[in-house]
Protein backbone atom coordinates (compact mmCIF):
# COMPACT_ATOMS: atom_id res chain seq x y z
CA MET A 1 0.00 -0.02 -0.10
CA LYS A 2 1.37 3.31 -0.96
CA LYS A 3 1.67 5.88 1.81
CA THR A 4 -1.27 8.40 1.88
CA TYR A 5 -0.48 11.85 3.40
CA TYR A 6 -3.00 13.91 5.11
CA ILE A 7 -2.20 17.48 5.66
CA PHE A 8 -3.89 19.33 8.45
CA ILE A 9 -3.62 23.06 8.77
CA ALA A 10 -3.98 22.78 12.48
CA PHE A 11 -1.07 20.45 12.66
CA ALA A 12 1.11 22.93 10.67
CA LEU A 13 0.17 25.52 13.16
CA LEU A 14 0.94 23.64 16.22
CA VAL A 15 4.35 22.17 15.02
CA SER A 16 5.64 25.62 14.25
CA THR A 17 6.80 27.77 16.87
CA SER A 18 8.29 31.23 16.64
CA GLY A 19 12.11 31.16 16.02
CA CYS A 20 12.61 34.81 16.41
CA LYS A 21 12.06 36.53 19.68
CA LYS A 22 9.95 39.78 19.01
CA PHE A 23 11.65 42.68 20.83
CA LEU A 24 8.44 44.91 20.75
CA ASP A 25 4.94 43.86 21.75
CA ILE A 26 3.49 45.99 18.87
CA ASN A 27 4.99 43.49 16.36
CA LYS A 28 2.76 40.79 17.65
CA ASP A 29 -0.16 40.03 15.50
CA PRO A 30 -3.12 38.46 17.30
CA ASN A 31 -4.50 37.04 14.24
CA ASN A 32 -1.41 34.84 13.67
CA SER A 33 -0.77 33.07 17.06
CA THR A 34 2.28 31.12 17.37
CA ASP A 35 0.52 29.26 20.54
CA VAL A 36 -2.07 26.54 19.91
CA GLN A 37 -4.63 25.34 22.48
CA GLU A 38 -4.72 21.53 23.53
CA ALA A 39 -8.16 21.17 21.76
CA LEU A 40 -6.57 22.08 18.52
CA ILE A 41 -3.64 19.68 18.93
CA LEU A 42 -5.74 16.67 20.08
CA THR A 43 -7.66 15.92 16.78
CA PRO A 44 -4.79 15.74 14.42
CA LEU A 45 -2.74 13.82 16.91
CA GLU A 46 -5.19 11.16 17.13
CA VAL A 47 -5.75 11.13 13.41
CA TYR A 48 -2.14 10.87 12.61
CA THR A 49 -1.95 7.83 14.92
CA THR A 50 -4.66 5.96 12.93
CA THR A 51 -4.06 7.50 9.39
CA ASN A 52 -0.32 7.76 9.02
CA ILE A 53 0.64 4.99 11.50
CA LEU A 54 -2.06 2.18 11.84
CA GLY A 55 -3.48 2.57 8.45
CA GLY A 56 -0.31 4.00 6.72
CA PHE A 57 3.07 2.68 5.99
CA PRO A 58 3.70 0.59 9.03
CA GLY A 59 0.23 -1.04 9.07
CA SER A 60 0.49 -1.73 5.44
CA VAL A 61 4.04 -3.31 5.82
CA SER A 62 2.78 -5.47 8.82
CA ALA A 63 -0.18 -6.74 6.57
CA TYR A 64 2.20 -7.49 3.64
CA TRP A 65 4.94 -9.13 5.98
CA THR A 66 2.34 -11.35 7.82
CA GLN A 67 0.79 -12.21 4.34
CA GLN A 68 -2.50 -10.77 5.06
CA MET A 69 -2.11 -8.50 1.88
CA ALA A 70 -0.20 -8.67 -1.24
CA ILE A 71 0.42 -6.38 -4.03
CA ASN A 72 0.12 -7.19 -7.91
CA GLN A 73 3.58 -5.87 -8.79
CA PRO A 74 6.83 -7.50 -10.03
CA ALA A 75 9.22 -8.91 -7.27
CA PRO A 76 10.85 -7.55 -5.29
CA GLU A 77 8.23 -5.23 -3.84
CA ILE A 78 7.26 -4.42 -0.20
CA ASP A 79 5.47 -7.80 0.18
CA SER A 80 8.61 -9.52 -1.02
CA TYR A 81 10.52 -7.67 1.84
CA ARG A 82 12.16 -4.97 -0.14
CA ILE A 83 12.59 -2.22 2.20
CA THR A 84 15.37 0.33 2.39
CA PRO A 85 16.51 3.15 4.69
CA SER A 86 14.99 5.76 2.40
CA ASP A 87 11.61 3.79 2.47
CA VAL A 88 11.13 4.65 6.38
CA ASN A 89 12.06 8.06 6.22
CA ASN A 90 8.75 9.71 6.44
CA THR A 91 7.37 7.21 9.14
CA TRP A 92 10.48 8.34 11.22
CA SER A 93 11.22 11.99 10.41
CA PHE A 94 7.79 13.12 9.52
CA ASP A 95 5.04 10.94 11.24
CA LEU A 96 6.27 9.80 14.54
CA TYR A 97 8.84 12.21 15.71
CA PRO A 98 7.96 15.68 14.92
CA ALA A 99 4.24 14.91 14.02
CA ILE A 100 3.31 12.62 17.02
CA PHE A 101 6.10 12.82 19.68
CA VAL A 102 6.50 16.56 19.64
CA ASN A 103 2.90 17.18 19.75
CA ALA A 104 2.11 14.59 22.42
CA ARG A 105 4.65 16.09 24.63
CA LYS A 106 3.39 19.66 23.92
CA ILE A 107 -0.18 18.66 24.74
CA ILE A 108 1.05 16.91 27.82
CA ASP A 109 3.09 19.96 28.82
CA LYS A 110 0.49 22.53 28.19
CA GLY A 111 -2.26 20.61 29.94
CA GLU A 112 -0.06 20.26 33.08
CA LYS A 113 0.77 24.17 32.94
CA ALA A 114 -2.83 25.18 32.37
CA GLY A 115 -4.43 22.48 34.78
CA ASN A 116 -6.32 20.91 31.96
CA ASN A 117 -5.70 17.42 33.11
CA SER A 118 -7.73 15.59 30.55
CA TYR A 119 -5.50 16.62 27.79
CA THR A 120 -2.46 15.53 29.74
CA ALA A 121 -3.89 12.22 30.38
CA ILE A 122 -4.89 11.51 26.85
CA GLY A 123 -1.52 12.93 25.64
CA LYS A 124 0.33 10.35 27.94
CA VAL A 125 -1.76 7.36 26.52
CA LEU A 126 -1.26 8.46 22.79
CA LEU A 127 2.44 8.92 23.64
CA ALA A 128 2.89 5.67 25.21
CA TYR A 129 0.87 4.00 22.29
CA ASN A 130 3.16 5.58 19.68
CA LEU A 131 6.37 4.96 21.65
CA ALA A 132 5.60 1.21 21.50
CA VAL A 133 4.96 1.35 17.73
CA CYS A 134 8.31 3.03 17.17
CA THR A 135 10.31 0.90 19.34
CA ASP A 136 8.68 -2.31 18.11
CA LEU A 137 9.64 -1.37 14.61
CA TRP A 138 13.22 -0.38 15.16
CA GLY A 139 14.24 -1.39 18.62
CA ASP A 140 16.57 0.93 20.37
CA ILE A 141 15.42 4.50 19.51
CA PRO A 142 16.41 8.19 20.75
CA TYR A 143 13.91 9.65 23.20
CA SER A 144 15.54 10.90 26.41
CA GLU A 145 17.83 13.16 24.42
CA GLY A 146 15.51 13.40 21.52
CA PHE A 147 13.82 16.57 21.90
CA GLN A 148 16.70 19.29 22.80
CA GLU A 149 16.80 20.84 19.60
CA LEU A 150 19.91 22.78 18.81
CA ALA A 151 21.10 22.05 22.29
CA ASN A 152 21.84 18.16 21.28
CA GLN A 153 21.63 17.34 17.46
CA HIS A 154 23.15 13.94 17.90
CA PRO A 155 20.92 12.24 20.72
CA LYS A 156 22.02 8.86 21.96
CA TYR A 157 19.62 5.83 21.62
CA ASP A 158 17.82 4.49 24.43
CA SER A 159 17.53 0.63 24.62
CA GLN A 160 14.29 -0.80 23.97
CA GLU A 161 14.02 -2.02 27.70
CA ASP A 162 14.27 1.51 28.85
CA ILE A 163 11.71 2.52 26.28
CA TYR A 164 9.46 -0.13 27.59
CA LYS A 165 9.82 0.89 31.32
CA LEU A 166 9.18 4.50 30.12
CA ILE A 167 5.86 3.24 28.19
CA GLN A 168 4.71 1.87 31.35
CA ARG A 169 5.54 4.67 33.57
CA THR A 170 3.68 7.00 31.21
CA LEU A 171 0.59 4.92 31.26
CA ASP A 172 0.64 4.74 35.18
CA GLU A 173 0.77 8.64 35.17
CA ALA A 174 -2.02 8.75 33.00
CA ILE A 175 -3.92 6.47 35.00
CA VAL A 176 -3.39 8.46 38.17
CA ILE A 177 -4.90 11.36 36.40
CA LEU A 178 -7.77 9.35 35.00
CA ASN A 179 -8.55 7.92 38.50
CA GLY A 180 -9.58 11.38 39.50
CA ALA A 181 -11.99 13.94 37.95
CA PRO A 182 -11.32 16.28 35.06
CA THR A 183 -9.95 19.87 36.00
CA GLY A 184 -9.82 22.92 33.93
CA ILE A 185 -10.97 22.84 30.34
CA LYS A 186 -12.01 19.19 29.74
CA ALA A 187 -11.48 17.40 26.36
CA GLY A 188 -14.76 16.99 24.42
CA SER A 189 -15.64 16.23 20.84
CA GLU A 190 -12.05 17.02 19.65
CA ASP A 191 -11.24 13.78 21.16
CA LEU A 192 -12.36 11.51 18.47
CA ILE A 193 -11.83 8.43 20.25
CA TYR A 194 -13.78 8.72 23.46
CA ASN A 195 -15.02 12.20 23.59
CA GLY A 196 -12.91 13.04 26.85
CA ASP A 197 -14.46 10.29 28.86
CA PHE A 198 -12.18 9.50 31.75
CA ALA A 199 -13.60 5.90 32.29
CA SER A 200 -13.04 4.87 28.75
CA TRP A 201 -9.51 6.23 28.50
CA LYS A 202 -8.39 4.46 31.82
CA ARG A 203 -9.83 1.17 30.39
CA LEU A 204 -7.66 1.64 27.24
CA ALA A 205 -4.53 2.61 29.32
CA TYR A 206 -5.02 -0.59 31.25
CA THR A 207 -5.39 -2.86 28.24
CA LEU A 208 -2.33 -1.41 26.76
CA LYS A 209 -0.35 -2.02 29.99
CA ALA A 210 -1.52 -5.63 29.52
CA ARG A 211 -0.52 -5.72 25.77
CA TYR A 212 2.96 -4.40 26.51
CA TYR A 213 3.58 -6.51 29.68
CA LEU A 214 2.75 -9.67 27.88
CA ARG A 215 4.93 -8.49 24.93
CA LEU A 216 8.02 -9.08 27.20
CA SER A 217 6.97 -12.71 28.15
CA LYS A 218 10.17 -14.04 26.21
CA ALA A 219 12.48 -11.02 26.75
CA ALA A 220 15.76 -11.65 28.35
CA GLY A 221 15.52 -11.48 32.00
CA TYR A 222 11.85 -11.50 32.34
CA SER A 223 9.70 -14.29 33.55
CA ALA A 224 6.75 -15.26 31.38
CA VAL A 225 4.83 -16.07 34.37
CA THR A 226 5.43 -12.74 36.21
CA GLN A 227 4.50 -10.80 32.64
CA ALA A 228 1.39 -12.99 32.57
CA ASP A 229 0.45 -12.16 36.20
CA LEU A 230 0.86 -8.38 35.32
CA ALA A 231 -1.18 -8.58 32.27
CA LEU A 232 -3.87 -10.37 33.93
CA ALA A 233 -4.13 -7.85 36.70
CA ALA A 234 -4.09 -4.84 34.27
CA LEU A 235 -6.96 -6.71 32.27
CA GLN A 236 -9.27 -6.60 35.49
CA ASN A 237 -9.45 -2.70 34.66
CA GLY A 238 -9.32 -3.04 30.98
CA LEU A 239 -11.88 -3.04 27.99
CA THR A 240 -15.07 -5.07 28.85
CA ALA A 241 -17.07 -5.09 25.74
CA ASN A 242 -17.04 -4.02 22.17
CA ALA A 243 -18.61 -0.86 23.29
CA ASP A 244 -15.28 0.22 24.74
CA ASN A 245 -13.25 -0.18 21.61
CA ALA A 246 -10.69 2.47 21.02
CA LYS A 247 -11.26 3.70 17.33
CA ILE A 248 -11.66 6.77 15.05
CA THR A 249 -14.58 6.55 12.61
CA TYR A 250 -13.76 8.60 9.51
CA SER A 251 -16.17 11.35 8.04
CA GLY A 252 -15.82 10.00 4.48
CA LYS A 253 -15.26 13.51 3.18
CA ALA A 254 -12.45 14.44 0.95
CA LYS A 255 -9.15 14.05 3.04
CA GLY A 256 -11.15 12.32 5.64
CA GLU A 257 -11.48 8.75 4.29
CA ASN A 258 -10.31 5.67 6.12
CA PRO A 259 -6.64 5.09 5.15
CA TRP A 260 -7.11 1.75 3.88
CA TYR A 261 -9.82 2.80 1.41
CA GLN A 262 -7.14 5.36 -0.03
CA GLY A 263 -4.41 2.56 -0.04
CA THR A 264 -6.69 0.11 -1.93
CA LEU A 265 -7.93 2.36 -4.55
CA PRO A 266 -7.22 1.04 -8.08
CA GLY A 267 -4.39 3.43 -8.45
CA ALA A 268 -2.56 2.24 -5.42
CA GLY A 269 -0.75 -0.56 -7.34
CA GLY A 270 -3.00 -3.53 -7.09
CA VAL A 271 -3.35 -4.17 -3.49
CA VAL A 272 -5.06 -7.44 -2.65
CA LEU A 273 -5.50 -10.24 -0.30
CA SER A 274 -2.76 -12.68 0.25
CA LYS A 275 -3.08 -16.23 -0.80
CA HIS A 276 -1.94 -17.20 2.70
CA PHE A 277 -4.70 -15.40 4.47
CA VAL A 278 -7.47 -16.23 2.21
CA ASP A 279 -6.58 -19.91 1.95
CA LEU A 280 -6.35 -19.92 5.64
CA LEU A 281 -10.10 -18.70 6.12
CA LYS A 282 -11.39 -20.91 3.49
CA ALA A 283 -9.62 -24.04 5.03
CA ASN A 284 -11.42 -23.08 8.46
CA ALA A 285 -14.73 -22.37 6.83
CA ASP A 286 -14.47 -18.91 8.63
CA PRO A 287 -17.64 -17.12 8.46
CA ARG A 288 -15.63 -13.70 8.53
CA LEU A 289 -14.39 -14.28 5.07
CA PRO A 290 -17.15 -12.45 3.14
CA ILE A 291 -17.04 -9.76 5.96
CA LEU A 292 -13.31 -9.03 5.70
CA ALA A 293 -12.96 -9.54 1.95
CA SER A 294 -14.67 -8.72 -1.31
CA PRO A 295 -14.59 -11.62 -3.82
CA GLY A 296 -12.64 -11.10 -7.18
CA SER A 297 -14.11 -10.68 -10.54
CA GLY A 298 -14.99 -14.49 -10.85
CA GLY A 299 -17.12 -14.44 -7.68
CA ASP A 300 -14.80 -16.45 -5.71
CA TYR A 301 -12.13 -15.45 -3.05
CA VAL A 302 -8.68 -15.94 -4.57
CA GLY A 303 -5.60 -14.59 -2.95
CA ARG A 304 -2.31 -13.61 -4.52
CA GLN A 305 1.00 -15.37 -4.02
CA SER A 306 3.37 -12.42 -3.29
CA GLY A 307 6.72 -12.70 -5.18
CA THR A 308 4.93 -14.39 -8.41
CA ALA A 309 4.60 -12.65 -11.61
CA PRO A 310 1.95 -10.07 -11.60
CA THR A 311 -1.63 -10.80 -13.39
CA THR A 312 -2.71 -8.26 -16.02
CA ASP A 313 -6.13 -8.49 -14.55
CA PRO A 314 -5.81 -7.94 -10.67
CA THR A 315 -9.59 -7.79 -10.30
CA ILE A 316 -9.49 -11.74 -10.14
CA TYR A 317 -8.00 -11.38 -6.61
CA ALA A 318 -10.16 -10.83 -3.43
CA THR A 319 -9.67 -7.40 -1.69
CA VAL A 320 -10.21 -5.56 1.44
CA SER A 321 -13.82 -5.39 2.19
CA PRO A 322 -15.34 -1.91 2.56
CA ASN A 323 -16.50 -3.32 5.97
CA ILE A 324 -12.84 -2.79 7.06
CA GLY A 325 -12.17 0.31 4.99
CA GLY A 326 -11.34 -1.22 1.51
CA TYR A 327 -12.28 0.32 -1.73
CA SER A 328 -15.03 -1.22 -3.80
CA GLU A 329 -16.54 -0.14 -6.93
CA ALA A 330 -19.91 -1.48 -5.95
CA ASP A 331 -19.78 0.34 -2.58
CA GLU A 332 -17.58 3.44 -2.28
CA GLU A 333 -19.25 5.11 0.73
CA THR A 334 -18.94 2.18 3.52
CA GLY A 335 -14.99 2.04 3.09
CA LYS A 336 -14.69 5.66 3.42
CA ILE A 337 -16.20 5.95 6.74
CA ALA A 338 -15.18 2.52 8.18
CA PRO A 339 -13.18 2.85 11.73
CA VAL A 340 -9.67 2.20 12.56
CA TYR A 341 -9.08 0.54 15.76
CA LEU A 342 -6.29 1.36 18.23
CA ALA A 343 -7.28 -1.65 20.53
CA THR A 344 -10.27 -3.83 20.95
CA TYR A 345 -12.15 -6.01 23.57
CA SER A 346 -11.39 -8.97 21.38
CA GLU A 347 -7.61 -8.24 21.64
CA ALA A 348 -7.88 -7.86 25.25
CA LEU A 349 -9.45 -11.40 25.59
CA PHE A 350 -6.80 -12.85 23.42
CA ILE A 351 -4.11 -11.32 25.54
CA LYS A 352 -5.90 -12.98 28.60
CA ALA A 353 -6.19 -16.17 26.81
CA GLU A 354 -2.32 -16.22 26.29
CA ALA A 355 -1.54 -15.05 29.64
CA THR A 356 -4.18 -17.69 31.20
CA LEU A 357 -2.28 -20.29 29.26
CA ILE A 358 0.93 -19.46 30.78
CA LYS A 359 -0.28 -19.32 34.04
CA SER A 360 -2.91 -22.17 34.19
CA GLY A 361 -2.62 -24.21 31.18
CA ALA A 362 -4.70 -24.96 28.07
CA ILE A 363 -7.93 -25.98 29.65
CA ALA A 364 -8.11 -22.74 31.78
CA ALA A 365 -7.38 -20.81 28.52
CA GLN A 366 -9.79 -22.30 26.28
CA PRO A 367 -13.27 -20.54 27.47
CA VAL A 368 -11.20 -17.16 27.23
CA LEU A 369 -10.19 -17.99 23.74
CA LYS A 370 -13.78 -18.62 22.77
CA ALA A 371 -15.01 -15.36 24.34
CA ALA A 372 -12.10 -13.72 22.13
CA ILE A 373 -13.39 -15.07 18.96
CA GLU A 374 -16.99 -14.34 19.79
CA ALA A 375 -16.27 -10.77 20.74
CA ASN A 376 -14.58 -10.34 17.28
CA MET A 377 -17.32 -11.98 15.39
CA ASP A 378 -19.95 -9.95 17.18
CA LEU A 379 -18.08 -6.80 16.27
CA LEU A 380 -18.11 -7.87 12.64
CA LYS A 381 -21.86 -8.96 13.00
CA VAL A 382 -21.33 -12.80 12.04
CA PRO A 383 -24.65 -14.34 12.60
CA ALA A 384 -24.79 -16.19 15.97
CA GLY A 385 -25.29 -19.62 14.49
CA ALA A 386 -22.29 -19.38 12.24
CA ARG A 387 -20.27 -17.93 14.96
CA ASP A 388 -21.14 -21.03 17.49
CA THR A 389 -20.44 -23.41 14.76
CA TYR A 390 -16.92 -22.00 14.37
CA THR A 391 -16.04 -21.72 17.84
CA ALA A 392 -17.26 -25.16 18.61
CA VAL A 393 -14.20 -26.38 16.55
CA ARG A 394 -11.75 -23.58 16.62
CA SER A 395 -11.56 -22.72 20.33
CA VAL A 396 -10.69 -26.24 21.35
CA LEU A 397 -7.25 -26.03 22.96
CA LEU A 398 -4.69 -28.88 22.82
CA PRO A 399 -1.72 -28.60 25.20
CA ALA A 400 0.76 -29.36 22.32
CA THR A 401 -0.69 -26.61 20.02
CA ALA A 402 -2.57 -24.12 22.47
CA LEU A 403 -0.33 -21.28 21.74
CA GLU A 404 -0.40 -21.77 17.96
CA THR A 405 -4.20 -21.73 17.96
CA ILE A 406 -4.53 -18.73 20.19
CA ILE A 407 -2.23 -16.67 18.22
CA GLY A 408 -3.47 -18.10 14.81
CA GLU A 409 -7.10 -16.92 15.66
CA LYS A 410 -5.84 -13.65 17.11
CA TYR A 411 -4.13 -13.38 13.61
CA VAL A 412 -7.46 -13.15 11.87
CA ALA A 413 -9.19 -11.10 14.43
CA ASN A 414 -6.27 -8.60 14.21
CA PHE A 415 -6.56 -8.39 10.49
CA LEU A 416 -4.64 -5.32 9.34
CA SER A 417 -3.26 -4.65 12.69
CA LEU A 418 0.29 -3.85 13.55
CA GLU A 419 -0.17 -6.58 16.59
CA ALA A 420 -0.21 -9.39 13.97
CA TYR A 421 3.46 -8.66 13.16
CA ASN A 422 4.30 -8.28 16.69
CA ASP A 423 2.83 -11.68 17.62
CA TRP A 424 4.63 -13.42 14.71
CA ARG A 425 7.90 -12.08 15.93
CA LYS A 426 7.26 -13.07 19.38
CA THR A 427 5.86 -16.41 19.04
CA GLY A 428 6.76 -17.53 15.54
CA PHE A 429 2.78 -17.93 14.64
CA PRO A 430 1.29 -18.22 12.35
CA VAL A 431 3.92 -20.14 10.61
CA LEU A 432 4.79 -18.19 7.55
CA ASN A 433 7.01 -19.25 4.54
CA VAL A 434 9.31 -16.87 2.75
CA VAL A 435 7.70 -15.83 -0.55
CA PRO A 436 9.09 -16.64 -3.87
CA ASN A 437 11.66 -14.28 -5.36
CA ALA A 438 12.18 -12.46 -2.14
CA PHE A 439 14.55 -9.34 -1.82
CA ARG A 440 15.83 -10.99 1.38
CA PRO A 441 15.97 -14.56 2.14
CA TYR A 442 13.97 -14.06 5.27
CA ILE A 443 10.95 -12.06 6.56
CA PRO A 444 12.41 -8.93 8.34
CA GLN A 445 12.50 -8.85 11.98
CA ARG A 446 12.68 -5.16 12.15
CA TYR A 447 12.84 -1.92 10.11
CA PRO A 448 16.23 -0.58 8.89
CA TYR A 449 16.87 2.76 10.37
CA PRO A 450 16.24 5.78 8.13
CA SER A 451 18.87 7.17 5.93
CA GLN A 452 18.18 10.67 7.12
CA GLU A 453 19.03 9.36 10.62
CA ILE A 454 22.07 7.41 9.39
CA THR A 455 23.48 10.50 7.86
CA GLY A 456 22.66 13.04 10.56
CA ASN A 457 22.83 11.14 13.77
CA PRO A 458 25.04 8.06 13.25
CA GLN A 459 24.85 5.33 16.00
CA PRO A 460 26.06 1.80 16.46
CA GLN A 461 22.63 0.50 16.29
CA HIS A 462 22.39 1.49 12.39
CA ASN A 463 24.57 -1.49 11.58
CA ILE A 464 22.06 -4.04 12.85
CA SER A 465 20.60 -6.24 10.19
CA THR A 466 16.77 -6.42 9.42
CA SER A 467 17.43 -10.26 10.12
CA GLU A 468 18.11 -9.54 13.83
CA LYS A 469 15.33 -10.19 16.16
CA ILE A 470 14.55 -7.10 18.46
CA TRP A 471 15.04 -7.43 22.09
CA TRP A 472 11.84 -8.78 23.39
CA ALA A 473 11.70 -11.31 20.55
CA LYS A 474 15.04 -13.02 20.97
């Protein structure tokens, strides 16, 4: 999927600050303020997260590398692991650092100084969320020295372990605020995710804590049982129903379409579903197939094998359904307004199922897995009969294959989510084979560092190969 850029006037305002001190007050133009209030920062901060990150380059690469999607182009392409330092420049140097991190820090700082604690709390949750995205893609990243501007143009890289500790501290700080009452100016409709509701943001923060605790279940020096305990404890305060899901629903207007819609337009290069994903759903008689996918021109669901010669007629392949945000000539409106999810109740239950498996075994985890599948199918409006027929078979856990089953089901429920790539790197599931004619003889375990960063801020980490697992996956 080709990267889609969304330019927000408000964001241009908030990332720009006056570089010259005005010596005379009469030179200040009240109609061109260099200071932007929290309310004007929050909306684009949230939309950048779902549009440029979750539904942008990182989201699409994850879907390609986990073989949920493919692109009808000659190999090597992004779905056959062709990624270079220049390919990731925009995600690092435009989206994550200046557009998200700088402005998340700004909204936190402004909220603290003005006593508007709802903005501070939301900013901290969004900062933690995107820090996890960044470190999960690259490993060690600059943060503690990363925002000193001219005072330090060569910031050191913090270890991924230290970034994870920072993520948990930041979420804890948000929860402290969210346990209280809003003060000062309260976030409202500019918060597209929860409309400023403290209880909802607190449930999300706890669910994210669980996500990141369990991410470290195989990290060196960490105990899987301890991380499972921490995740289960956090989930007691996490998302409790699909109504709690963290999402942004798009307006569908120009520049306000779901990013997957933009990325699956005919001019996007032939973005279709992968043979691996389609065949998996067909083999399991999964009732979600016609909800997640639109059939090809032949009326059947056919996936493309990445790395093979492109067809002259890509319409034969199944595509992302408008229900998920995909483009469809027959239904253009549904895809435009479809939501993008930051976290869901079903994910919370899959986390609980994996943690329960670690703590108590397959028999204890089985009903939790069943509930997780049901939550996803209910969200997608799968008929109850079809749902129950599926879960009667697919939620059964055998001790020898329990983790593979849990992550395999989570892989389908997390269609187009970055979490599918994170789970694959941590567990090795689903089992994926290297595609034909691959640019590299392996599925990359991480992103290369950006060429702009390599040139402007040389660090030892820049020599790490994309074949090397990141810290928590070793």
